[in-house]
Amino acid sequence: MSCTLVPFSWAAPANVDPHSHCFIKGRSETVIWDYIVDGDTLWLKDGRKVRLASINTPETEHDGLEAEPFGDEATNALRNLLKSSSRLQMQRAEREEDQHGRVLAHLFMPDGRSVEAMLLEKGLAFQLFPDDRNAYNDCFSEREKDARKAGRGVWSTKPVVEISKQPVTPGFHLVSGVVMSVRAPRNSDYYWVDLDGPLVLRVMKSGADERWLRNAIGRKIEARGWIMKSNDPKRQSKKYKPWIMGIYHSLAIKRMN
């Protein structure tokens, strides 16, 4: 296996601001990459499939589905970033694997620069907030904010869906809407946050503050995550919203007013 666990302390190159590029912190594993799947997924030489933990890039063409805007650009950007070196530094996320068995991790160039941060800065990825608060969240948010302000990449297409006015489709989305109610069933691991359209946010209790959510009632919010249509027969009635967005951490919800 082509990997080694090593302690280190990176020093940013003299001409690079370490805060702007989200440099690596702490221990890492040296790995060798083999094949780029798409903008946020790749194979390692040792046979592991790695999914970048804190970003989501637009989809490329697959399974008969057309490529999403900037999906090919994100894949090519990752390939161009990594072509200068076969070796990378990897830190596994707190939740080490996803439901598909892929390793969830943060990848860094040999000089310590974050691969995720560079894709966010190019406007070719959206930031994710998995079930851990990692050391790079604030820096990643700044990189996405810069790209969004400049209208780079995905931000040139106005990707936020206004949930009460636009049709809902499955997959990863950014949505905006007004919070109508917050429910906290005792026998559930989730808060259920109803918006003013056909969507409910299913928010992990372990990653959110109920008081913060309730203070958002009547306010417009922006949320990001994967949307799916419920198969639960109970949710087919008018009492329940037919579409669900899973939220693992309240950082994926932002108040707009």
Protein backbone atom coordinates (compact mmCIF):
# COMPACT_ATOMS: atom_id res chain seq x y z
CA MET A 1 0.00 0.00 0.00
CA SER A 2 1.36 3.41 -0.97
CA CYS A 3 0.63 5.37 2.17
CA THR A 4 2.45 6.53 5.27
CA LEU A 5 1.17 8.20 8.42
CA VAL A 6 3.46 11.06 9.30
CA PRO A 7 3.46 13.99 11.73
CA PHE A 8 4.41 17.31 10.24
CA SER A 9 4.18 21.06 10.56
CA TRP A 10 3.66 22.83 7.26
CA ALA A 11 5.15 26.21 6.55
CA ALA A 12 3.42 28.08 3.76
CA PRO A 13 5.61 29.28 0.86
CA ALA A 14 6.81 32.81 1.46
CA ASN A 15 4.71 34.28 -1.36
CA VAL A 16 1.44 32.57 -0.30
CA ASP A 17 -1.01 33.66 2.39
CA PRO A 18 -1.72 30.47 4.40
CA HIS A 19 -5.12 31.78 5.49
CA SER A 20 -6.29 32.38 1.91
CA HIS A 21 -5.37 28.85 0.81
CA CYS A 22 -6.54 26.85 3.84
CA PHE A 23 -3.26 25.10 4.63
CA ILE A 24 -3.17 21.70 6.27
CA LYS A 25 -3.21 21.41 10.06
CA GLY A 26 -2.10 18.37 12.05
CA ARG A 27 -1.14 14.85 11.04
CA SER A 28 -1.75 13.36 7.62
CA GLU A 29 -1.29 10.30 5.47
CA THR A 30 0.79 10.43 2.27
CA VAL A 31 -1.16 8.84 -0.61
CA ILE A 32 -0.73 8.41 -4.35
CA TRP A 33 -3.71 9.14 -6.56
CA ASP A 34 -4.53 7.01 -9.59
CA TYR A 35 -7.71 8.10 -11.37
CA ILE A 36 -10.03 11.14 -11.27
CA VAL A 37 -13.71 10.14 -11.22
CA ASP A 38 -15.14 13.67 -11.14
CA GLY A 39 -14.56 16.99 -9.40
CA ASP A 40 -14.92 15.62 -5.87
CA THR A 41 -14.03 11.91 -6.16
CA LEU A 42 -10.90 9.97 -7.09
CA TRP A 43 -9.25 6.58 -6.77
CA LEU A 44 -5.97 5.99 -4.97
CA LYS A 45 -3.26 3.58 -6.11
CA ASP A 46 -3.95 1.42 -3.05
CA GLY A 47 -7.52 0.77 -4.25
CA ARG A 48 -9.41 3.17 -2.01
CA LYS A 49 -12.03 5.49 -3.47
CA VAL A 50 -11.93 8.94 -1.85
CA ARG A 51 -14.76 11.47 -1.68
CA LEU A 52 -13.77 15.01 -0.69
CA ALA A 53 -15.63 15.51 2.59
CA SER A 54 -16.42 19.24 2.58
CA ILE A 55 -17.38 20.04 -1.01
CA ASN A 56 -19.83 18.96 -3.67
CA THR A 57 -19.08 19.59 -7.32
CA PRO A 58 -21.63 19.54 -10.17
CA GLU A 59 -22.25 16.12 -11.69
CA THR A 60 -20.67 14.94 -14.93
CA GLU A 61 -22.59 12.88 -17.50
CA HIS A 62 -23.40 9.45 -16.06
CA ASP A 63 -26.09 6.75 -16.04
CA GLY A 64 -27.89 8.41 -18.93
CA LEU A 65 -28.04 11.77 -17.17
CA GLU A 66 -26.61 14.89 -18.76
CA ALA A 67 -23.74 16.74 -17.14
CA GLU A 68 -24.72 19.59 -14.84
CA PRO A 69 -23.37 23.08 -15.59
CA PHE A 70 -19.66 23.22 -14.68
CA GLY A 71 -19.48 19.49 -13.96
CA ASP A 72 -16.87 18.87 -16.65
CA GLU A 73 -15.02 22.05 -15.68
CA ALA A 74 -14.77 20.88 -12.06
CA THR A 75 -13.40 17.49 -13.14
CA ASN A 76 -10.84 19.10 -15.43
CA ALA A 77 -9.86 21.58 -12.71
CA LEU A 78 -9.15 18.76 -10.25
CA ARG A 79 -7.15 16.89 -12.90
CA ASN A 80 -5.11 20.02 -13.66
CA LEU A 81 -4.47 20.71 -9.98
CA LEU A 82 -3.16 17.21 -9.36
CA LYS A 83 -1.15 16.64 -12.54
CA SER A 84 1.91 18.33 -11.01
CA SER A 85 2.27 15.61 -8.36
CA SER A 86 1.12 12.02 -7.90
CA ARG A 87 1.51 12.36 -4.13
CA LEU A 88 -1.02 14.06 -1.87
CA GLN A 89 -1.58 14.48 1.84
CA MET A 90 -4.86 13.07 3.19
CA GLN A 91 -6.74 13.61 6.44
CA ARG A 92 -9.81 11.44 7.02
CA ALA A 93 -12.98 13.17 8.17
CA GLU A 94 -14.63 12.34 11.49
CA ARG A 95 -17.27 10.33 9.63
CA GLU A 96 -14.74 8.18 7.78
CA GLU A 97 -16.94 6.66 5.07
CA ASP A 98 -20.14 7.53 3.27
CA GLN A 99 -23.06 5.24 2.46
CA HIS A 100 -21.30 4.11 -0.73
CA GLY A 101 -18.17 2.95 1.11
CA ARG A 102 -16.04 5.83 -0.12
CA VAL A 103 -13.41 7.28 2.20
CA LEU A 104 -14.44 10.79 3.31
CA ALA A 105 -11.33 12.92 3.55
CA HIS A 106 -9.60 16.25 3.02
CA LEU A 107 -6.83 16.27 0.42
CA PHE A 108 -3.85 18.61 0.25
CA MET A 109 -1.11 19.33 -2.25
CA PRO A 110 2.49 18.44 -1.27
CA ASP A 111 3.03 22.08 -0.17
CA GLY A 112 0.00 21.87 2.17
CA ARG A 113 -2.60 23.75 0.10
CA SER A 114 -6.16 22.45 0.38
CA VAL A 115 -7.57 20.92 -2.81
CA GLU A 116 -11.11 21.62 -1.60
CA ALA A 117 -10.31 25.28 -0.99
CA MET A 118 -8.87 25.74 -4.46
CA LEU A 119 -11.99 24.28 -6.11
CA LEU A 120 -14.21 26.48 -3.94
CA GLU A 121 -12.15 29.53 -4.88
CA LYS A 122 -12.60 28.77 -8.58
CA GLY A 123 -16.37 28.61 -8.12
CA LEU A 124 -16.43 24.95 -9.13
CA ALA A 125 -17.76 23.50 -5.87
CA PHE A 126 -20.26 24.12 -3.08
CA GLN A 127 -19.19 23.84 0.54
CA LEU A 128 -20.64 20.96 2.55
CA PHE A 129 -21.09 20.74 6.29
CA PRO A 130 -20.93 17.06 7.28
CA ASP A 131 -21.58 15.82 10.81
CA ASP A 132 -18.26 17.11 12.14
CA ARG A 133 -16.97 20.64 12.59
CA ASN A 134 -13.57 20.42 10.99
CA ALA A 135 -10.72 22.89 11.30
CA TYR A 136 -11.20 24.17 7.75
CA ASN A 137 -14.87 25.22 7.75
CA ASP A 138 -14.25 28.94 8.25
CA CYS A 139 -11.55 29.08 5.60
CA PHE A 140 -13.66 27.10 3.14
CA SER A 141 -16.57 29.48 3.76
CA GLU A 142 -14.36 32.46 2.94
CA ARG A 143 -13.21 30.85 -0.31
CA GLU A 144 -16.79 30.15 -1.36
CA LYS A 145 -17.84 33.66 -0.34
CA ASP A 146 -15.12 35.15 -2.55
CA ALA A 147 -16.21 33.07 -5.56
CA ARG A 148 -19.87 33.86 -4.96
CA LYS A 149 -19.23 37.59 -4.73
CA ALA A 150 -17.22 37.50 -7.95
CA GLY A 151 -19.85 35.36 -9.74
CA ARG A 152 -17.33 32.70 -10.68
CA GLY A 153 -18.31 29.27 -11.98
CA VAL A 154 -21.47 27.84 -10.41
CA TRP A 155 -22.28 31.25 -8.94
CA SER A 156 -22.72 32.71 -12.42
CA THR A 157 -25.85 30.57 -12.87
CA LYS A 158 -27.80 31.79 -9.79
CA PRO A 159 -28.08 28.29 -8.33
CA VAL A 160 -30.35 29.03 -5.33
CA VAL A 161 -33.88 27.61 -5.79
CA GLU A 162 -36.68 29.71 -4.28
CA ILE A 163 -38.68 26.87 -2.86
CA SER A 164 -42.14 28.49 -2.97
CA LYS A 165 -41.83 29.57 -6.62
CA GLN A 166 -39.66 27.03 -8.44
CA PRO A 167 -40.17 23.30 -9.03
CA VAL A 168 -38.37 20.87 -6.71
CA THR A 169 -36.19 18.10 -8.13
CA PRO A 170 -34.07 15.41 -6.43
CA GLY A 171 -30.33 15.84 -5.96
CA PHE A 172 -28.04 18.41 -4.39
CA HIS A 173 -29.50 21.91 -4.21
CA LEU A 174 -29.27 25.28 -2.54
CA VAL A 175 -32.75 26.48 -1.59
CA SER A 176 -34.26 29.57 -0.02
CA GLY A 177 -37.56 29.84 1.80
CA VAL A 178 -39.35 31.10 4.89
CA VAL A 179 -39.36 28.87 7.98
CA MET A 180 -42.97 28.14 8.91
CA SER A 181 -42.52 25.74 11.86
CA VAL A 182 -40.02 23.60 13.74
CA ARG A 183 -40.96 20.21 15.20
CA ALA A 184 -38.83 18.16 17.60
CA PRO A 185 -40.41 14.70 18.11
CA ARG A 186 -39.07 13.03 21.24
CA ASN A 187 -38.62 9.66 19.56
CA SER A 188 -36.75 11.08 16.58
CA ASP A 189 -33.09 11.96 15.96
CA TYR A 190 -34.20 14.91 13.82
CA TYR A 191 -35.74 18.34 13.96
CA TRP A 192 -38.27 18.86 11.17
CA VAL A 193 -38.16 22.40 9.75
CA ASP A 194 -41.10 23.19 7.45
CA LEU A 195 -40.53 25.81 4.74
CA ASP A 196 -43.14 27.79 2.81
CA GLY A 197 -43.09 25.39 -0.12
CA PRO A 198 -43.22 21.61 -0.61
CA LEU A 199 -39.95 21.03 1.29
CA VAL A 200 -39.09 20.10 4.88
CA LEU A 201 -35.56 20.15 6.30
CA ARG A 202 -34.64 17.04 8.30
CA VAL A 203 -31.97 18.37 10.65
CA MET A 204 -29.85 16.09 12.85
CA LYS A 205 -30.46 16.99 16.50
CA SER A 206 -26.83 16.25 17.32
CA GLY A 207 -25.69 18.96 14.91
CA ALA A 208 -28.16 21.75 15.61
CA ASP A 209 -29.48 24.05 18.33
CA GLU A 210 -33.27 23.92 18.71
CA ARG A 211 -33.44 27.48 20.02
CA TRP A 212 -31.54 28.79 16.97
CA LEU A 213 -33.91 26.93 14.66
CA ARG A 214 -37.02 28.20 16.44
CA ASN A 215 -35.70 31.76 16.31
CA ALA A 216 -35.63 31.36 12.52
CA ILE A 217 -39.43 30.89 12.33
CA GLY A 218 -40.87 33.61 10.10
CA ARG A 219 -37.47 34.36 8.60
CA LYS A 220 -36.06 33.61 5.19
CA ILE A 221 -33.22 31.10 5.19
CA GLU A 222 -30.87 29.49 2.70
CA ALA A 223 -30.11 25.79 3.07
CA ARG A 224 -28.03 23.29 1.15
CA GLY A 225 -28.11 19.53 0.89
CA TRP A 226 -29.54 16.56 -0.98
CA ILE A 227 -33.26 16.55 -1.71
CA MET A 228 -35.28 13.37 -2.05
CA LYS A 229 -38.98 12.61 -2.42
CA SER A 230 -40.43 10.74 0.54
CA ASN A 231 -41.70 7.20 0.04
CA ASP A 232 -43.47 7.21 3.40
CA PRO A 233 -47.24 6.79 2.76
CA LYS A 234 -47.96 9.12 5.69
CA ARG A 235 -46.19 11.96 3.91
CA GLN A 236 -48.52 11.74 0.91
CA SER A 237 -51.21 13.65 2.84
CA LYS A 238 -51.43 17.45 2.88
CA LYS A 239 -50.22 17.41 6.49
CA TYR A 240 -46.66 16.55 5.39
CA LYS A 241 -44.26 18.03 2.86
CA PRO A 242 -43.50 15.56 0.02
CA TRP A 243 -39.84 16.60 -0.39
CA ILE A 244 -37.10 16.22 2.25
CA MET A 245 -33.65 17.79 2.47
CA GLY A 246 -31.23 16.10 4.86
CA ILE A 247 -29.15 18.47 7.00
CA TYR A 248 -26.34 17.11 9.19
CA HIS A 249 -25.25 20.39 10.75
CA SER A 250 -26.98 23.75 11.22
CA LEU A 251 -24.01 25.42 9.50
CA ALA A 252 -25.75 24.30 6.29
CA ILE A 253 -28.58 26.72 7.13
CA LYS A 254 -28.07 30.47 6.89
CA ARG A 255 -30.53 33.20 7.87
CA MET A 256 -31.14 35.70 5.08
CA ASN A 257 -32.88 38.39 7.18
